């Protein structure tokens, strides 16, 4: 019998906690896999006060995510928090399947030219002041044609696509294959931007794949 994988695409800034809880309670998986590394999982579950970041880019990205989440009356990563909490309640094992965030951001920063570093930092800075309505429109556009946005990213910032998307997709796909060997049904909660890549990597006869997109949750 084929192992079953339920891929859930999320946006780390949206309040979709109730939906995540509902899915876990309905499916009662043998395991839950999260787009986190152990360090980020620990940071989510502990106080953020006084937290140190490895470099300025990591700090700015974290600030941007927190800022956008506040616009939606939410805390960044709340969907991961509720998944961990529900897993504990139901005694479901949790696996952290992502590459260490600090290492991956450091690698990206080292691979960028000075011009691209300035361009990215400027874009992030402007995004800090983006209105909620604009964010919602951008999310809708992204969900309508994920492939287009990925191709544009590869054209304009191939380093970002390779390090933040492709490399992590490959790593998470391998981890999911390992987890599925030991568990009949697995729920994996990852950013919507990783869904298409993971789907392509995991489409095999021995894996029964079900996908729940972000647009189905918000």
C-alpha atoms as a PDB file:
ATOM      1  CA  UNK A   1       0.000   0.000   0.000  1.00  0.00           C
ATOM      2  CA  UNK A   2       1.356   3.422  -0.982  1.00  0.00           C
ATOM      3  CA  UNK A   3       2.373   5.841   1.738  1.00  0.00           C
ATOM      4  CA  UNK A   4       0.188   8.950   1.893  1.00  0.00           C
ATOM      5  CA  UNK A   5       1.637  12.459   1.949  1.00  0.00           C
ATOM      6  CA  UNK A   6      -0.554  15.501   2.523  1.00  0.00           C
ATOM      7  CA  UNK A   7       1.322  18.647   1.492  1.00  0.00           C
ATOM      8  CA  UNK A   8      -0.099  21.827   3.020  1.00  0.00           C
ATOM      9  CA  UNK A   9       1.016  25.131   1.513  1.00  0.00           C
ATOM     10  CA  UNK A  10       1.062  27.974   4.016  1.00  0.00           C
ATOM     11  CA  UNK A  11       1.983  31.640   4.273  1.00  0.00           C
ATOM     12  CA  UNK A  12       3.940  32.197   7.456  1.00  0.00           C
ATOM     13  CA  UNK A  13       2.243  35.542   8.077  1.00  0.00           C
ATOM     14  CA  UNK A  14      -1.421  34.502   7.807  1.00  0.00           C
ATOM     15  CA  UNK A  15      -3.607  33.345  10.674  1.00  0.00           C
ATOM     16  CA  UNK A  16      -4.612  29.878   9.484  1.00  0.00           C
ATOM     17  CA  UNK A  17      -4.227  28.135  12.842  1.00  0.00           C
ATOM     18  CA  UNK A  18      -7.820  26.869  12.964  1.00  0.00           C
ATOM     19  CA  UNK A  19      -7.514  25.328   9.493  1.00  0.00           C
ATOM     20  CA  UNK A  20      -4.263  23.570  10.401  1.00  0.00           C
ATOM     21  CA  UNK A  21      -5.840  22.195  13.565  1.00  0.00           C
ATOM     22  CA  UNK A  22      -8.888  20.969  11.633  1.00  0.00           C
ATOM     23  CA  UNK A  23      -6.778  19.138   9.051  1.00  0.00           C
ATOM     24  CA  UNK A  24      -4.606  17.432  11.664  1.00  0.00           C
ATOM     25  CA  UNK A  25      -7.628  16.366  13.714  1.00  0.00           C
ATOM     26  CA  UNK A  26      -9.419  15.065  10.612  1.00  0.00           C
ATOM     27  CA  UNK A  27      -6.479  13.196   9.063  1.00  0.00           C
ATOM     28  CA  UNK A  28      -4.774  11.990  12.290  1.00  0.00           C
ATOM     29  CA  UNK A  29      -1.432  11.369  10.540  1.00  0.00           C
ATOM     30  CA  UNK A  30       1.307   9.032  11.745  1.00  0.00           C
ATOM     31  CA  UNK A  31       3.780  11.935  11.591  1.00  0.00           C
ATOM     32  CA  UNK A  32       3.932  15.676  10.954  1.00  0.00           C
ATOM     33  CA  UNK A  33       6.787  17.291   9.013  1.00  0.00           C
ATOM     34  CA  UNK A  34       7.453  21.016   9.278  1.00  0.00           C
ATOM     35  CA  UNK A  35       9.445  23.467   7.170  1.00  0.00           C
ATOM     36  CA  UNK A  36      11.658  24.270  10.129  1.00  0.00           C
ATOM     37  CA  UNK A  37      15.064  23.326  11.436  1.00  0.00           C
ATOM     38  CA  UNK A  38      15.565  22.442  15.109  1.00  0.00           C
ATOM     39  CA  UNK A  39      16.933  25.882  15.954  1.00  0.00           C
ATOM     40  CA  UNK A  40      14.001  27.765  14.425  1.00  0.00           C
ATOM     41  CA  UNK A  41      11.531  25.391  16.061  1.00  0.00           C
ATOM     42  CA  UNK A  42      13.146  26.079  19.434  1.00  0.00           C
ATOM     43  CA  UNK A  43      13.117  29.847  18.784  1.00  0.00           C
ATOM     44  CA  UNK A  44       9.396  29.759  17.934  1.00  0.00           C
ATOM     45  CA  UNK A  45       8.607  28.016  21.186  1.00  0.00           C
ATOM     46  CA  UNK A  46      10.714  30.332  23.346  1.00  0.00           C
ATOM     47  CA  UNK A  47      10.841  34.071  23.996  1.00  0.00           C
ATOM     48  CA  UNK A  48      12.070  36.174  21.078  1.00  0.00           C
ATOM     49  CA  UNK A  49      13.440  38.863  23.381  1.00  0.00           C
ATOM     50  CA  UNK A  50      17.163  39.358  22.987  1.00  0.00           C
ATOM     51  CA  UNK A  51      17.369  36.968  20.052  1.00  0.00           C
ATOM     52  CA  UNK A  52      20.512  37.394  17.977  1.00  0.00           C
ATOM     53  CA  UNK A  53      20.647  36.945  14.209  1.00  0.00           C
ATOM     54  CA  UNK A  54      23.678  35.722  12.229  1.00  0.00           C
ATOM     55  CA  UNK A  55      23.719  38.660   9.800  1.00  0.00           C
ATOM     56  CA  UNK A  56      21.840  41.758   8.760  1.00  0.00           C
ATOM     57  CA  UNK A  57      19.912  40.026   5.947  1.00  0.00           C
ATOM     58  CA  UNK A  58      18.543  37.367   8.310  1.00  0.00           C
ATOM     59  CA  UNK A  59      17.556  40.066  10.798  1.00  0.00           C
ATOM     60  CA  UNK A  60      15.814  42.142   8.127  1.00  0.00           C
ATOM     61  CA  UNK A  61      13.926  39.160   6.694  1.00  0.00           C
ATOM     62  CA  UNK A  62      12.733  38.193  10.181  1.00  0.00           C
ATOM     63  CA  UNK A  63      11.644  41.776  10.811  1.00  0.00           C
ATOM     64  CA  UNK A  64       9.765  41.871   7.492  1.00  0.00           C
ATOM     65  CA  UNK A  65       7.923  38.638   8.256  1.00  0.00           C
ATOM     66  CA  UNK A  66       6.952  39.818  11.729  1.00  0.00           C
ATOM     67  CA  UNK A  67       5.856  43.199  10.368  1.00  0.00           C
ATOM     68  CA  UNK A  68       3.601  41.665   7.701  1.00  0.00           C
ATOM     69  CA  UNK A  69       2.146  39.166  10.180  1.00  0.00           C
ATOM     70  CA  UNK A  70       1.145  42.046  12.477  1.00  0.00           C
ATOM     71  CA  UNK A  71      -0.765  43.675   9.616  1.00  0.00           C
ATOM     72  CA  UNK A  72      -2.904  40.522   9.543  1.00  0.00           C
ATOM     73  CA  UNK A  73      -3.276  40.427  13.329  1.00  0.00           C
ATOM     74  CA  UNK A  74      -1.037  37.411  13.549  1.00  0.00           C
ATOM     75  CA  UNK A  75       2.376  36.269  14.765  1.00  0.00           C
ATOM     76  CA  UNK A  76       4.846  34.933  12.200  1.00  0.00           C
ATOM     77  CA  UNK A  77       5.028  31.154  12.309  1.00  0.00           C
ATOM     78  CA  UNK A  78       1.787  30.686  14.250  1.00  0.00           C
ATOM     79  CA  UNK A  79       0.718  27.859  11.903  1.00  0.00           C
ATOM     80  CA  UNK A  80       3.879  25.948  12.835  1.00  0.00           C
ATOM     81  CA  UNK A  81       3.287  26.594  16.516  1.00  0.00           C
ATOM     82  CA  UNK A  82      -0.261  25.235  16.415  1.00  0.00           C
ATOM     83  CA  UNK A  83       0.910  22.167  14.457  1.00  0.00           C
ATOM     84  CA  UNK A  84       3.509  21.421  17.132  1.00  0.00           C
ATOM     85  CA  UNK A  85       0.966  21.933  19.888  1.00  0.00           C
ATOM     86  CA  UNK A  86      -1.655  19.708  18.232  1.00  0.00           C
ATOM     87  CA  UNK A  87       0.955  17.033  17.539  1.00  0.00           C
ATOM     88  CA  UNK A  88       1.881  17.009  21.216  1.00  0.00           C
ATOM     89  CA  UNK A  89      -1.787  16.714  22.233  1.00  0.00           C
ATOM     90  CA  UNK A  90      -2.363  13.778  19.868  1.00  0.00           C
ATOM     91  CA  UNK A  91       1.059  12.226  20.549  1.00  0.00           C
ATOM     92  CA  UNK A  92       2.089  12.490  16.906  1.00  0.00           C
ATOM     93  CA  UNK A  93       5.849  12.635  16.201  1.00  0.00           C
ATOM     94  CA  UNK A  94       7.127  15.855  14.620  1.00  0.00           C
ATOM     95  CA  UNK A  95      10.007  16.049  12.158  1.00  0.00           C
ATOM     96  CA  UNK A  96      11.871  19.242  11.221  1.00  0.00           C
ATOM     97  CA  UNK A  97      12.808  18.841   7.566  1.00  0.00           C
ATOM     98  CA  UNK A  98      14.394  22.156   6.546  1.00  0.00           C
ATOM     99  CA  UNK A  99      18.052  23.112   6.216  1.00  0.00           C
ATOM    100  CA  UNK A 100      19.469  25.231   9.042  1.00  0.00           C
ATOM    101  CA  UNK A 101      18.183  28.753   8.313  1.00  0.00           C
ATOM    102  CA  UNK A 102      21.257  30.587   9.555  1.00  0.00           C
ATOM    103  CA  UNK A 103      23.560  28.542   7.316  1.00  0.00           C
ATOM    104  CA  UNK A 104      21.372  28.901   4.243  1.00  0.00           C
ATOM    105  CA  UNK A 105      21.026  32.695   4.627  1.00  0.00           C
ATOM    106  CA  UNK A 106      24.766  33.003   5.201  1.00  0.00           C
ATOM    107  CA  UNK A 107      25.445  30.974   2.064  1.00  0.00           C
ATOM    108  CA  UNK A 108      23.045  33.129   0.048  1.00  0.00           C
ATOM    109  CA  UNK A 109      24.631  36.349   1.313  1.00  0.00           C
ATOM    110  CA  UNK A 110      28.100  35.133   0.334  1.00  0.00           C
ATOM    111  CA  UNK A 111      26.942  34.221  -3.181  1.00  0.00           C
ATOM    112  CA  UNK A 112      25.375  37.598  -3.950  1.00  0.00           C
ATOM    113  CA  UNK A 113      27.183  40.414  -5.728  1.00  0.00           C
ATOM    114  CA  UNK A 114      27.317  43.812  -4.035  1.00  0.00           C
ATOM    115  CA  UNK A 115      24.788  45.192  -6.539  1.00  0.00           C
ATOM    116  CA  UNK A 116      22.306  42.423  -5.803  1.00  0.00           C
ATOM    117  CA  UNK A 117      22.841  42.749  -2.058  1.00  0.00           C
ATOM    118  CA  UNK A 118      21.918  46.427  -2.270  1.00  0.00           C
ATOM    119  CA  UNK A 119      18.931  45.669  -4.542  1.00  0.00           C
ATOM    120  CA  UNK A 120      17.550  42.997  -2.181  1.00  0.00           C
ATOM    121  CA  UNK A 121      18.037  45.086   0.944  1.00  0.00           C
ATOM    122  CA  UNK A 122      16.319  48.045  -0.707  1.00  0.00           C
ATOM    123  CA  UNK A 123      13.371  45.855  -1.795  1.00  0.00           C
ATOM    124  CA  UNK A 124      12.987  44.413   1.706  1.00  0.00           C
ATOM    125  CA  UNK A 125      13.148  47.893   3.235  1.00  0.00           C
ATOM    126  CA  UNK A 126      10.364  49.137   0.933  1.00  0.00           C
ATOM    127  CA  UNK A 127       8.288  46.033   1.721  1.00  0.00           C
ATOM    128  CA  UNK A 128       8.308  46.973   5.395  1.00  0.00           C
ATOM    129  CA  UNK A 129       5.930  49.816   4.509  1.00  0.00           C
ATOM    130  CA  UNK A 130       3.683  47.866   2.112  1.00  0.00           C
ATOM    131  CA  UNK A 131      -0.019  48.175   2.897  1.00  0.00           C
ATOM    132  CA  UNK A 132      -2.072  45.092   3.821  1.00  0.00           C
ATOM    133  CA  UNK A 133      -4.236  45.413   0.693  1.00  0.00           C
ATOM    134  CA  UNK A 134      -1.146  45.416  -1.543  1.00  0.00           C
ATOM    135  CA  UNK A 135       0.208  42.318   0.187  1.00  0.00           C
ATOM    136  CA  UNK A 136      -3.101  40.507  -0.344  1.00  0.00           C
ATOM    137  CA  UNK A 137      -3.061  41.395  -4.058  1.00  0.00           C
ATOM    138  CA  UNK A 138       0.510  40.169  -4.451  1.00  0.00           C
ATOM    139  CA  UNK A 139      -0.324  36.891  -2.690  1.00  0.00           C
ATOM    140  CA  UNK A 140      -3.323  36.374  -5.004  1.00  0.00           C
ATOM    141  CA  UNK A 141      -1.157  36.985  -8.093  1.00  0.00           C
ATOM    142  CA  UNK A 142       1.460  34.554  -6.806  1.00  0.00           C
ATOM    143  CA  UNK A 143      -1.097  31.806  -6.182  1.00  0.00           C
ATOM    144  CA  UNK A 144      -2.665  32.265  -9.621  1.00  0.00           C
ATOM    145  CA  UNK A 145       0.639  31.555 -11.393  1.00  0.00           C
ATOM    146  CA  UNK A 146       3.379  30.221  -9.123  1.00  0.00           C
ATOM    147  CA  UNK A 147       5.410  28.994 -12.103  1.00  0.00           C
ATOM    148  CA  UNK A 148       5.604  32.529 -13.566  1.00  0.00           C
ATOM    149  CA  UNK A 149       6.933  33.987 -10.312  1.00  0.00           C
ATOM    150  CA  UNK A 150       9.504  31.222  -9.950  1.00  0.00           C
ATOM    151  CA  UNK A 151      10.719  31.799 -13.509  1.00  0.00           C
ATOM    152  CA  UNK A 152      10.991  35.555 -12.887  1.00  0.00           C
ATOM    153  CA  UNK A 153      12.965  34.891  -9.715  1.00  0.00           C
ATOM    154  CA  UNK A 154      15.314  32.601 -11.629  1.00  0.00           C
ATOM    155  CA  UNK A 155      15.807  35.251 -14.311  1.00  0.00           C
ATOM    156  CA  UNK A 156      16.436  38.166 -11.949  1.00  0.00           C
ATOM    157  CA  UNK A 157      17.902  36.455  -8.868  1.00  0.00           C
ATOM    158  CA  UNK A 158      19.142  32.965  -9.819  1.00  0.00           C
ATOM    159  CA  UNK A 159      21.179  32.777  -6.591  1.00  0.00           C
ATOM    160  CA  UNK A 160      18.025  33.190  -4.483  1.00  0.00           C
ATOM    161  CA  UNK A 161      16.123  30.588  -6.521  1.00  0.00           C
ATOM    162  CA  UNK A 162      18.967  28.084  -6.267  1.00  0.00           C
ATOM    163  CA  UNK A 163      19.741  28.526  -2.565  1.00  0.00           C
ATOM    164  CA  UNK A 164      16.411  29.450  -0.948  1.00  0.00           C
ATOM    165  CA  UNK A 165      14.096  27.377  -3.144  1.00  0.00           C
ATOM    166  CA  UNK A 166      15.754  24.586  -5.160  1.00  0.00           C
ATOM    167  CA  UNK A 167      18.330  23.471  -2.611  1.00  0.00           C
ATOM    168  CA  UNK A 168      15.786  23.434   0.214  1.00  0.00           C
ATOM    169  CA  UNK A 169      13.190  21.641  -1.935  1.00  0.00           C
ATOM    170  CA  UNK A 170      15.662  18.863  -2.680  1.00  0.00           C
ATOM    171  CA  UNK A 171      16.643  18.556   0.993  1.00  0.00           C
ATOM    172  CA  UNK A 172      13.024  18.521   2.213  1.00  0.00           C
ATOM    173  CA  UNK A 173      11.970  15.998  -0.463  1.00  0.00           C
ATOM    174  CA  UNK A 174      14.709  13.598   0.637  1.00  0.00           C
ATOM    175  CA  UNK A 175      13.725  13.988   4.287  1.00  0.00           C
ATOM    176  CA  UNK A 176      10.059  13.360   3.442  1.00  0.00           C
ATOM    177  CA  UNK A 177      10.943  10.205   1.514  1.00  0.00           C
ATOM    178  CA  UNK A 178      12.829   8.942   4.583  1.00  0.00           C
ATOM    179  CA  UNK A 179       9.911   9.755   6.908  1.00  0.00           C
ATOM    180  CA  UNK A 180       7.395   8.081   4.573  1.00  0.00           C
ATOM    181  CA  UNK A 181       9.348   4.831   4.707  1.00  0.00           C
ATOM    182  CA  UNK A 182       8.511   4.585   8.419  1.00  0.00           C
ATOM    183  CA  UNK A 183       5.060   6.245   8.479  1.00  0.00           C
ATOM    184  CA  UNK A 184       1.947   5.409   6.455  1.00  0.00           C
ATOM    185  CA  UNK A 185       0.402   8.890   6.485  1.00  0.00           C
ATOM    186  CA  UNK A 186       2.374  12.131   6.829  1.00  0.00           C
ATOM    187  CA  UNK A 187       1.258  15.752   6.881  1.00  0.00           C
ATOM    188  CA  UNK A 188       3.940  18.180   5.689  1.00  0.00           C
ATOM    189  CA  UNK A 189       3.455  21.897   6.315  1.00  0.00           C
ATOM    190  CA  UNK A 190       5.626  24.079   4.081  1.00  0.00           C
ATOM    191  CA  UNK A 191       5.553  27.520   2.483  1.00  0.00           C
ATOM    192  CA  UNK A 192       3.339  27.709  -0.621  1.00  0.00           C
ATOM    193  CA  UNK A 193       6.400  28.621  -2.686  1.00  0.00           C
ATOM    194  CA  UNK A 194       7.829  25.136  -2.066  1.00  0.00           C
ATOM    195  CA  UNK A 195       4.727  23.172  -3.037  1.00  0.00           C
ATOM    196  CA  UNK A 196       5.302  22.977  -6.787  1.00  0.00           C
ATOM    197  CA  UNK A 197       8.954  21.976  -6.439  1.00  0.00           C
ATOM    198  CA  UNK A 198       8.184  19.305  -3.846  1.00  0.00           C
ATOM    199  CA  UNK A 199       5.322  17.985  -5.945  1.00  0.00           C
ATOM    200  CA  UNK A 200       7.670  17.529  -8.913  1.00  0.00           C
ATOM    201  CA  UNK A 201      10.279  15.794  -6.757  1.00  0.00           C
ATOM    202  CA  UNK A 202       7.837  13.513  -4.942  1.00  0.00           C
ATOM    203  CA  UNK A 203       5.504  12.398  -7.740  1.00  0.00           C
ATOM    204  CA  UNK A 204       6.080   8.669  -7.550  1.00  0.00           C
ATOM    205  CA  UNK A 205       3.761   5.703  -7.749  1.00  0.00           C
ATOM    206  CA  UNK A 206       4.628   4.563  -4.220  1.00  0.00           C
ATOM    207  CA  UNK A 207       3.552   7.919  -2.722  1.00  0.00           C
ATOM    208  CA  UNK A 208      -0.103   8.932  -2.659  1.00  0.00           C
ATOM    209  CA  UNK A 209       0.143  12.708  -2.843  1.00  0.00           C
ATOM    210  CA  UNK A 210      -2.561  15.144  -1.760  1.00  0.00           C
ATOM    211  CA  UNK A 211      -2.030  18.915  -1.873  1.00  0.00           C
ATOM    212  CA  UNK A 212      -3.850  21.637   0.057  1.00  0.00           C
ATOM    213  CA  UNK A 213      -2.890  25.071  -1.241  1.00  0.00           C
ATOM    214  CA  UNK A 214      -2.712  28.319   0.731  1.00  0.00           C
ATOM    215  CA  UNK A 215      -5.672  29.715  -1.231  1.00  0.00           C
ATOM    216  CA  UNK A 216      -7.795  26.893   0.213  1.00  0.00           C
ATOM    217  CA  UNK A 217      -6.915  27.998   3.742  1.00  0.00           C
ATOM    218  CA  UNK A 218      -7.355  31.785   3.609  1.00  0.00           C
END
